[in-house]
N, C-alpha and C. Protein backbone atom coordinates (compact mmCIF):
# COMPACT_ATOMS: atom_id res chain seq x y z
N MET A 1 -153.37 217.80 32.86
CA MET A 1 -152.53 217.62 34.02
C MET A 1 -151.08 217.97 33.67
N THR A 2 -150.26 218.00 34.65
CA THR A 2 -148.84 218.27 34.46
C THR A 2 -148.03 217.38 35.40
N ILE A 3 -146.73 217.47 35.25
CA ILE A 3 -145.81 216.79 36.16
C ILE A 3 -145.28 217.85 37.11
N ASN A 4 -145.62 217.73 38.36
CA ASN A 4 -145.20 218.71 39.34
C ASN A 4 -143.93 218.19 40.03
N SER A 5 -142.80 218.36 39.35
CA SER A 5 -141.54 217.83 39.89
C SER A 5 -141.16 218.50 41.20
N ASN A 6 -141.53 219.76 41.37
CA ASN A 6 -141.22 220.46 42.62
C ASN A 6 -141.94 219.80 43.80
N GLU A 7 -143.21 219.47 43.62
CA GLU A 7 -143.96 218.81 44.70
C GLU A 7 -143.40 217.42 44.98
N ILE A 8 -143.10 216.68 43.92
CA ILE A 8 -142.58 215.32 44.10
C ILE A 8 -141.24 215.36 44.84
N ARG A 9 -140.32 216.21 44.39
CA ARG A 9 -139.03 216.32 45.06
C ARG A 9 -139.20 216.85 46.47
N GLY A 10 -140.18 217.74 46.67
CA GLY A 10 -140.46 218.27 48.00
C GLY A 10 -140.89 217.19 48.98
N ARG A 11 -141.74 216.29 48.53
CA ARG A 11 -142.18 215.20 49.40
C ARG A 11 -141.03 214.26 49.74
N LEU A 12 -140.19 213.99 48.73
CA LEU A 12 -139.03 213.13 48.97
C LEU A 12 -138.04 213.78 49.93
N THR A 13 -137.78 215.06 49.75
CA THR A 13 -136.82 215.74 50.64
C THR A 13 -137.40 215.91 52.04
N SER A 14 -138.69 216.20 52.14
CA SER A 14 -139.32 216.33 53.47
C SER A 14 -139.21 215.02 54.24
N HIS A 15 -139.45 213.92 53.56
CA HIS A 15 -139.34 212.61 54.21
C HIS A 15 -137.91 212.38 54.70
N ALA A 16 -136.93 212.67 53.85
CA ALA A 16 -135.53 212.46 54.23
C ALA A 16 -135.13 213.36 55.40
N GLN A 17 -135.62 214.59 55.43
CA GLN A 17 -135.32 215.50 56.54
C GLN A 17 -135.92 214.97 57.84
N ALA A 18 -137.14 214.45 57.76
CA ALA A 18 -137.82 213.94 58.95
C ALA A 18 -137.14 212.68 59.50
N ASP A 19 -136.43 211.96 58.64
CA ASP A 19 -135.74 210.74 59.05
C ASP A 19 -134.69 211.04 60.12
N GLY A 20 -134.06 212.21 60.04
CA GLY A 20 -133.13 212.64 61.06
C GLY A 20 -131.68 212.23 60.89
N ARG A 21 -131.37 211.38 59.92
CA ARG A 21 -129.98 210.93 59.79
C ARG A 21 -129.15 211.81 58.86
N PHE A 22 -129.80 212.70 58.11
CA PHE A 22 -129.09 213.54 57.14
C PHE A 22 -128.86 214.94 57.71
N GLY A 23 -127.62 215.41 57.60
CA GLY A 23 -127.30 216.77 58.01
C GLY A 23 -127.85 217.80 57.05
N GLN A 24 -127.87 217.44 55.77
CA GLN A 24 -128.43 218.30 54.72
C GLN A 24 -129.28 217.47 53.78
N VAL A 25 -130.36 218.04 53.29
CA VAL A 25 -131.18 217.43 52.25
C VAL A 25 -131.42 218.50 51.20
N LEU A 26 -131.05 218.21 49.95
CA LEU A 26 -131.09 219.20 48.88
C LEU A 26 -131.99 218.75 47.74
N LYS A 27 -132.64 219.72 47.07
CA LYS A 27 -133.45 219.42 45.89
C LYS A 27 -132.66 219.72 44.61
N HIS A 28 -131.34 219.59 44.69
CA HIS A 28 -130.47 219.79 43.53
C HIS A 28 -129.16 219.05 43.76
N GLU A 29 -128.45 218.80 42.68
CA GLU A 29 -127.12 218.20 42.78
C GLU A 29 -126.14 219.28 43.21
N PRO A 30 -125.41 219.08 44.30
CA PRO A 30 -124.52 220.13 44.77
C PRO A 30 -123.33 220.35 43.82
N LEU A 31 -122.97 221.60 43.65
CA LEU A 31 -121.83 221.96 42.81
C LEU A 31 -120.54 222.04 43.60
N SER A 32 -120.66 222.16 44.92
CA SER A 32 -119.49 222.20 45.78
C SER A 32 -119.66 221.14 46.87
N ALA A 33 -118.58 220.87 47.58
CA ALA A 33 -118.58 219.83 48.61
C ALA A 33 -119.68 220.08 49.64
N PRO A 34 -120.53 219.07 49.89
CA PRO A 34 -121.64 219.28 50.81
C PRO A 34 -121.27 219.28 52.29
N GLY A 35 -120.03 218.97 52.63
CA GLY A 35 -119.63 219.04 54.03
C GLY A 35 -119.53 217.67 54.67
N SER A 36 -119.54 217.65 56.01
CA SER A 36 -119.37 216.39 56.74
C SER A 36 -120.72 215.76 57.03
N GLY A 37 -120.67 214.53 57.50
CA GLY A 37 -121.90 213.80 57.80
C GLY A 37 -122.59 213.35 56.53
N LEU A 38 -123.80 212.84 56.70
CA LEU A 38 -124.59 212.37 55.55
C LEU A 38 -125.36 213.52 54.92
N THR A 39 -125.30 213.60 53.60
CA THR A 39 -126.09 214.56 52.82
C THR A 39 -126.87 213.77 51.79
N TYR A 40 -128.13 214.18 51.55
CA TYR A 40 -128.96 213.56 50.51
C TYR A 40 -129.39 214.65 49.54
N ALA A 41 -129.20 214.38 48.25
CA ALA A 41 -129.61 215.33 47.22
C ALA A 41 -130.46 214.61 46.18
N ILE A 42 -131.48 215.31 45.67
CA ILE A 42 -132.40 214.73 44.68
C ILE A 42 -132.51 215.70 43.51
N TRP A 43 -132.41 215.17 42.27
CA TRP A 43 -132.59 216.00 41.08
C TRP A 43 -133.20 215.17 39.97
N VAL A 44 -133.74 215.86 38.95
CA VAL A 44 -134.37 215.21 37.80
C VAL A 44 -133.28 214.66 36.88
N ALA A 45 -133.44 213.39 36.48
CA ALA A 45 -132.47 212.75 35.60
C ALA A 45 -133.03 212.46 34.22
N ASP A 46 -134.34 212.13 34.12
CA ASP A 46 -134.90 211.73 32.83
C ASP A 46 -136.43 211.88 32.87
N LEU A 47 -137.00 212.10 31.73
CA LEU A 47 -138.46 212.19 31.59
C LEU A 47 -138.83 211.64 30.23
N ALA A 48 -139.78 210.70 30.20
CA ALA A 48 -140.17 210.07 28.93
C ALA A 48 -141.60 209.52 29.04
N PRO A 49 -142.28 209.40 27.89
CA PRO A 49 -143.59 208.77 27.89
C PRO A 49 -143.48 207.27 28.18
N VAL A 50 -144.57 206.69 28.67
CA VAL A 50 -144.67 205.25 28.89
C VAL A 50 -145.74 204.73 27.94
N PRO A 51 -145.36 204.30 26.73
CA PRO A 51 -146.35 203.90 25.72
C PRO A 51 -147.31 202.81 26.19
N ALA A 52 -146.80 201.79 26.85
CA ALA A 52 -147.64 200.65 27.24
C ALA A 52 -148.68 201.01 28.29
N SER A 53 -148.52 202.15 28.94
CA SER A 53 -149.43 202.55 30.00
C SER A 53 -150.26 203.77 29.62
N SER A 54 -150.08 204.28 28.41
CA SER A 54 -150.80 205.46 27.95
C SER A 54 -152.06 205.05 27.20
N GLY A 55 -153.01 205.98 27.10
CA GLY A 55 -154.25 205.71 26.39
C GLY A 55 -154.35 206.53 25.13
N LEU A 56 -155.56 206.66 24.62
CA LEU A 56 -155.80 207.42 23.40
C LEU A 56 -155.94 208.91 23.66
N SER A 57 -156.21 209.28 24.90
CA SER A 57 -156.42 210.70 25.19
C SER A 57 -155.37 211.31 26.12
N SER A 58 -154.59 210.46 26.80
CA SER A 58 -153.56 211.01 27.68
C SER A 58 -152.33 210.11 27.71
N THR A 59 -151.22 210.70 28.06
CA THR A 59 -149.95 209.98 28.10
C THR A 59 -149.47 209.86 29.53
N THR A 60 -149.08 208.64 29.89
CA THR A 60 -148.44 208.40 31.17
C THR A 60 -146.95 208.68 30.99
N ALA A 61 -146.32 209.24 32.02
CA ALA A 61 -144.90 209.58 31.93
C ALA A 61 -144.11 208.85 33.01
N ARG A 62 -142.83 208.67 32.71
CA ARG A 62 -141.88 208.11 33.68
C ARG A 62 -140.88 209.21 34.01
N LEU A 63 -140.96 209.73 35.22
CA LEU A 63 -140.05 210.75 35.71
C LEU A 63 -138.98 210.04 36.53
N GLU A 64 -137.75 210.08 36.04
CA GLU A 64 -136.67 209.43 36.77
C GLU A 64 -135.88 210.48 37.54
N LEU A 65 -135.82 210.28 38.84
CA LEU A 65 -135.03 211.16 39.69
C LEU A 65 -133.75 210.44 40.09
N SER A 66 -132.71 211.21 40.29
CA SER A 66 -131.49 210.69 40.90
C SER A 66 -131.46 211.20 42.33
N GLY A 67 -131.16 210.32 43.23
CA GLY A 67 -130.96 210.68 44.63
C GLY A 67 -129.57 210.21 45.01
N ARG A 68 -128.80 211.09 45.58
CA ARG A 68 -127.43 210.69 45.94
C ARG A 68 -127.18 211.00 47.41
N ILE A 69 -126.65 209.99 48.08
CA ILE A 69 -126.24 210.13 49.47
C ILE A 69 -124.72 210.29 49.48
N TYR A 70 -124.25 211.30 50.19
CA TYR A 70 -122.82 211.60 50.28
C TYR A 70 -122.35 211.47 51.72
N ILE A 71 -121.15 210.94 51.91
CA ILE A 71 -120.47 210.98 53.19
C ILE A 71 -118.97 211.07 52.89
N PRO A 72 -118.23 211.94 53.57
CA PRO A 72 -116.80 211.99 53.31
C PRO A 72 -116.17 210.61 53.52
N ALA A 73 -115.37 210.16 52.56
CA ALA A 73 -114.79 208.83 52.61
C ALA A 73 -113.82 208.65 53.78
N ASP A 74 -113.28 209.75 54.29
CA ASP A 74 -112.33 209.66 55.40
C ASP A 74 -112.98 209.85 56.77
N THR A 75 -114.32 209.73 56.84
CA THR A 75 -115.03 209.82 58.12
C THR A 75 -114.54 208.70 59.04
N GLU A 76 -114.24 209.05 60.27
CA GLU A 76 -113.76 208.05 61.25
C GLU A 76 -114.91 207.53 62.09
N PRO A 77 -114.93 206.27 62.42
CA PRO A 77 -114.02 205.25 61.93
C PRO A 77 -114.38 204.87 60.49
N MET A 78 -113.36 204.73 59.67
CA MET A 78 -113.57 204.47 58.24
C MET A 78 -114.28 203.14 57.99
N ASP A 79 -114.13 202.19 58.92
CA ASP A 79 -114.82 200.90 58.77
C ASP A 79 -116.34 201.05 58.84
N ASP A 80 -116.83 202.18 59.37
CA ASP A 80 -118.28 202.39 59.51
C ASP A 80 -118.90 203.18 58.36
N VAL A 81 -118.09 203.69 57.45
CA VAL A 81 -118.60 204.54 56.37
C VAL A 81 -119.61 203.78 55.51
N ASP A 82 -119.25 202.58 55.06
CA ASP A 82 -120.18 201.82 54.23
C ASP A 82 -121.45 201.45 55.00
N ASP A 83 -121.31 201.14 56.29
CA ASP A 83 -122.49 200.80 57.09
C ASP A 83 -123.45 201.98 57.18
N GLN A 84 -122.91 203.19 57.37
CA GLN A 84 -123.76 204.38 57.41
C GLN A 84 -124.45 204.60 56.06
N LEU A 85 -123.69 204.43 54.98
CA LEU A 85 -124.22 204.66 53.65
C LEU A 85 -125.30 203.64 53.29
N VAL A 86 -125.03 202.37 53.56
CA VAL A 86 -126.03 201.33 53.28
C VAL A 86 -127.24 201.49 54.18
N GLY A 87 -127.03 201.86 55.44
CA GLY A 87 -128.16 202.07 56.35
C GLY A 87 -129.08 203.18 55.87
N ALA A 88 -128.49 204.30 55.40
CA ALA A 88 -129.29 205.41 54.89
C ALA A 88 -130.02 205.01 53.61
N THR A 89 -129.33 204.30 52.73
CA THR A 89 -129.96 203.84 51.48
C THR A 89 -131.10 202.88 51.79
N ASP A 90 -130.87 201.95 52.70
CA ASP A 90 -131.88 200.98 53.08
C ASP A 90 -133.12 201.66 53.66
N ALA A 91 -132.92 202.68 54.48
CA ALA A 91 -134.06 203.40 55.08
C ALA A 91 -134.89 204.08 54.00
N LEU A 92 -134.23 204.70 53.03
CA LEU A 92 -134.97 205.36 51.95
C LEU A 92 -135.71 204.35 51.08
N MET A 93 -135.02 203.25 50.72
CA MET A 93 -135.67 202.24 49.87
C MET A 93 -136.82 201.55 50.60
N THR A 94 -136.69 201.38 51.90
CA THR A 94 -137.79 200.81 52.68
C THR A 94 -139.01 201.71 52.61
N ALA A 95 -138.80 203.00 52.78
CA ALA A 95 -139.92 203.96 52.71
C ALA A 95 -140.52 203.98 51.31
N TYR A 96 -139.67 204.02 50.28
CA TYR A 96 -140.17 204.09 48.90
C TYR A 96 -140.89 202.82 48.49
N SER A 97 -140.56 201.70 49.13
CA SER A 97 -141.21 200.42 48.83
C SER A 97 -142.51 200.24 49.61
N GLY A 98 -142.70 201.03 50.65
CA GLY A 98 -143.87 200.90 51.51
C GLY A 98 -144.99 201.81 51.07
N GLY A 99 -145.66 202.39 52.03
CA GLY A 99 -146.84 203.22 51.76
C GLY A 99 -146.52 204.66 51.46
N PHE A 100 -145.35 204.93 50.94
CA PHE A 100 -144.93 206.30 50.66
C PHE A 100 -145.83 206.93 49.60
N GLN A 101 -146.36 208.12 49.86
CA GLN A 101 -147.29 208.78 48.94
C GLN A 101 -146.65 210.03 48.34
N LEU A 102 -146.74 210.17 47.02
CA LEU A 102 -146.19 211.34 46.34
C LEU A 102 -147.28 212.31 45.90
N GLY A 103 -148.53 211.93 46.05
CA GLY A 103 -149.65 212.83 45.79
C GLY A 103 -149.89 213.10 44.31
N GLY A 104 -150.87 213.97 44.07
CA GLY A 104 -151.21 214.37 42.70
C GLY A 104 -151.55 213.20 41.82
N ASN A 105 -151.01 213.22 40.61
CA ASN A 105 -151.31 212.18 39.64
C ASN A 105 -150.21 211.12 39.56
N VAL A 106 -149.39 211.01 40.62
CA VAL A 106 -148.35 209.99 40.66
C VAL A 106 -149.00 208.64 40.93
N ARG A 107 -148.76 207.68 40.05
CA ARG A 107 -149.28 206.32 40.23
C ARG A 107 -148.44 205.57 41.25
N CYS A 108 -147.12 205.59 41.05
CA CYS A 108 -146.26 204.78 41.93
C CYS A 108 -144.79 205.07 41.68
N ILE A 109 -143.98 204.58 42.58
CA ILE A 109 -142.55 204.45 42.32
C ILE A 109 -142.40 203.07 41.69
N ASP A 110 -141.75 203.01 40.54
CA ASP A 110 -141.62 201.76 39.78
C ASP A 110 -140.54 200.88 40.43
N LEU A 111 -140.92 200.24 41.54
CA LEU A 111 -139.98 199.48 42.36
C LEU A 111 -139.24 198.40 41.60
N LEU A 112 -139.96 197.66 40.78
CA LEU A 112 -139.37 196.48 40.13
C LEU A 112 -139.05 196.70 38.66
N GLY A 113 -139.22 197.89 38.17
CA GLY A 113 -138.83 198.19 36.80
C GLY A 113 -139.81 197.72 35.73
N ALA A 114 -141.09 197.79 36.00
CA ALA A 114 -142.09 197.40 35.00
C ALA A 114 -142.02 198.30 33.77
N TRP A 115 -141.60 199.55 33.94
CA TRP A 115 -141.55 200.52 32.84
C TRP A 115 -140.16 201.12 32.64
N GLY A 116 -139.12 200.35 32.92
CA GLY A 116 -137.75 200.83 32.77
C GLY A 116 -136.89 200.36 33.93
N THR A 117 -135.84 201.07 34.20
CA THR A 117 -134.94 200.71 35.30
C THR A 117 -135.69 200.75 36.63
N ALA A 118 -135.48 199.73 37.44
CA ALA A 118 -136.12 199.64 38.75
C ALA A 118 -135.45 200.58 39.75
N LEU A 119 -136.10 200.75 40.89
CA LEU A 119 -135.50 201.45 42.02
C LEU A 119 -134.19 200.74 42.33
N ARG A 120 -133.10 201.50 42.43
CA ARG A 120 -131.80 200.88 42.67
C ARG A 120 -130.82 201.89 43.25
N ALA A 121 -129.70 201.39 43.73
CA ALA A 121 -128.61 202.25 44.21
C ALA A 121 -127.29 201.66 43.74
N ARG A 122 -126.41 202.54 43.28
CA ARG A 122 -125.05 202.15 42.89
C ARG A 122 -124.09 202.93 43.78
N TYR A 123 -123.05 202.24 44.23
CA TYR A 123 -122.10 202.83 45.17
C TYR A 123 -120.79 203.15 44.47
N GLY A 124 -120.11 204.18 44.95
CA GLY A 124 -118.83 204.55 44.39
C GLY A 124 -118.19 205.67 45.19
N TYR A 125 -117.27 206.34 44.54
CA TYR A 125 -116.55 207.48 45.14
C TYR A 125 -116.67 208.66 44.20
N LEU A 126 -116.69 209.86 44.76
CA LEU A 126 -116.80 211.08 43.97
C LEU A 126 -115.95 212.18 44.61
N PRO A 127 -114.90 212.64 43.89
CA PRO A 127 -114.14 213.78 44.43
C PRO A 127 -114.86 215.09 44.14
N ILE A 128 -115.04 215.90 45.17
CA ILE A 128 -115.63 217.23 45.02
C ILE A 128 -114.74 218.19 45.80
N ASP A 129 -114.30 219.24 45.11
CA ASP A 129 -113.35 220.17 45.71
C ASP A 129 -112.15 219.36 46.21
N SER A 130 -111.81 219.45 47.48
CA SER A 130 -110.65 218.73 47.99
C SER A 130 -111.05 217.51 48.83
N THR A 131 -112.32 217.10 48.72
CA THR A 131 -112.82 215.98 49.52
C THR A 131 -113.29 214.86 48.61
N THR A 132 -112.96 213.63 48.99
CA THR A 132 -113.50 212.46 48.28
C THR A 132 -114.66 211.94 49.10
N TYR A 133 -115.80 211.75 48.45
CA TYR A 133 -117.01 211.27 49.10
C TYR A 133 -117.28 209.83 48.70
N ARG A 134 -117.74 209.06 49.65
CA ARG A 134 -118.32 207.74 49.37
C ARG A 134 -119.78 208.05 49.08
N ILE A 135 -120.29 207.50 47.99
CA ILE A 135 -121.65 207.87 47.56
C ILE A 135 -122.50 206.64 47.23
N ALA A 136 -123.79 206.83 47.34
CA ALA A 136 -124.79 205.89 46.83
C ALA A 136 -125.69 206.72 45.92
N THR A 137 -125.69 206.39 44.63
CA THR A 137 -126.54 207.11 43.68
C THR A 137 -127.75 206.25 43.38
N MET A 138 -128.91 206.76 43.76
CA MET A 138 -130.16 206.03 43.58
C MET A 138 -130.85 206.44 42.29
N THR A 139 -131.48 205.47 41.65
CA THR A 139 -132.42 205.72 40.56
C THR A 139 -133.81 205.58 41.17
N ILE A 140 -134.60 206.65 41.08
CA ILE A 140 -135.95 206.66 41.65
C ILE A 140 -136.93 206.89 40.51
N PRO A 141 -137.48 205.80 39.93
CA PRO A 141 -138.39 205.93 38.80
C PRO A 141 -139.84 206.14 39.27
N ILE A 142 -140.44 207.21 38.81
CA ILE A 142 -141.79 207.58 39.25
C ILE A 142 -142.72 207.57 38.04
N ILE A 143 -143.84 206.88 38.15
CA ILE A 143 -144.82 206.80 37.07
C ILE A 143 -145.93 207.81 37.36
N VAL A 144 -146.16 208.69 36.38
CA VAL A 144 -147.15 209.77 36.52
C VAL A 144 -148.27 209.54 35.52
N ASN A 145 -149.49 209.32 36.04
CA ASN A 145 -150.66 209.13 35.17
C ASN A 145 -151.08 210.45 34.53
N ASN A 146 -151.64 210.37 33.33
CA ASN A 146 -152.23 211.53 32.66
C ASN A 146 -151.33 212.76 32.70
N ALA A 147 -150.07 212.57 32.38
CA ALA A 147 -149.12 213.67 32.42
C ALA A 147 -149.40 214.70 31.33
N TRP A 148 -149.75 214.19 30.15
CA TRP A 148 -149.99 215.08 29.02
C TRP A 148 -151.25 214.67 28.28
N THR A 149 -152.03 215.64 27.85
CA THR A 149 -153.24 215.37 27.08
C THR A 149 -152.86 215.23 25.61
N GLN A 150 -153.43 214.21 24.98
CA GLN A 150 -153.20 214.00 23.54
C GLN A 150 -154.37 214.59 22.76
N GLU A 151 -154.05 215.24 21.67
CA GLU A 151 -155.10 215.78 20.81
C GLU A 151 -154.85 215.35 19.38
N ALA A 152 -155.91 215.02 18.69
CA ALA A 152 -155.80 214.57 17.30
C ALA A 152 -155.68 215.73 16.34
C-alpha cells in the first residue's frame, strides 16, 4: 500500500469547497496573499511511523496535515473577524470529528491525539505581501493503516 496524500487532501478540499463559506480552497500553502474573504489551504506537515499501531509485516503511518484558514484582519466589521474564523474552524472540526471519510487505507483522523498531537487549531496573525491576515492553523493528524510493507 501507499499513502495517497493527493486523494486525502482532495477529499478535505472538496468538503471545504462544498461547505460554501470559503472563497478559495487550496491544496498548498499560498506564497502570495490569498485575497479577501475566507481562504482555506491544506498541505503536508509531517509523516512518521506509528510503532504502537504497526505489526510485523506492515507499518502504520501518521500523516500530519496543516490546514490554515485566512481572512484579512482589516475585514469590516472588524469585531466579526474572529467570529468568522472560529465559525469556519468549528465547521471543519465538526466534520472531521463526525462521519467524515478519507477512503483508501486511512483508519481515522486522530481526534484526541492517541498517536501524537490531537486535532487542534491555533490562532494568530500572518503578514503576507501588504496584507495582515487573521489565521487559524489547524493540525490534522491522519492515521494510515498498512502504509509500508516490512521485509526481513
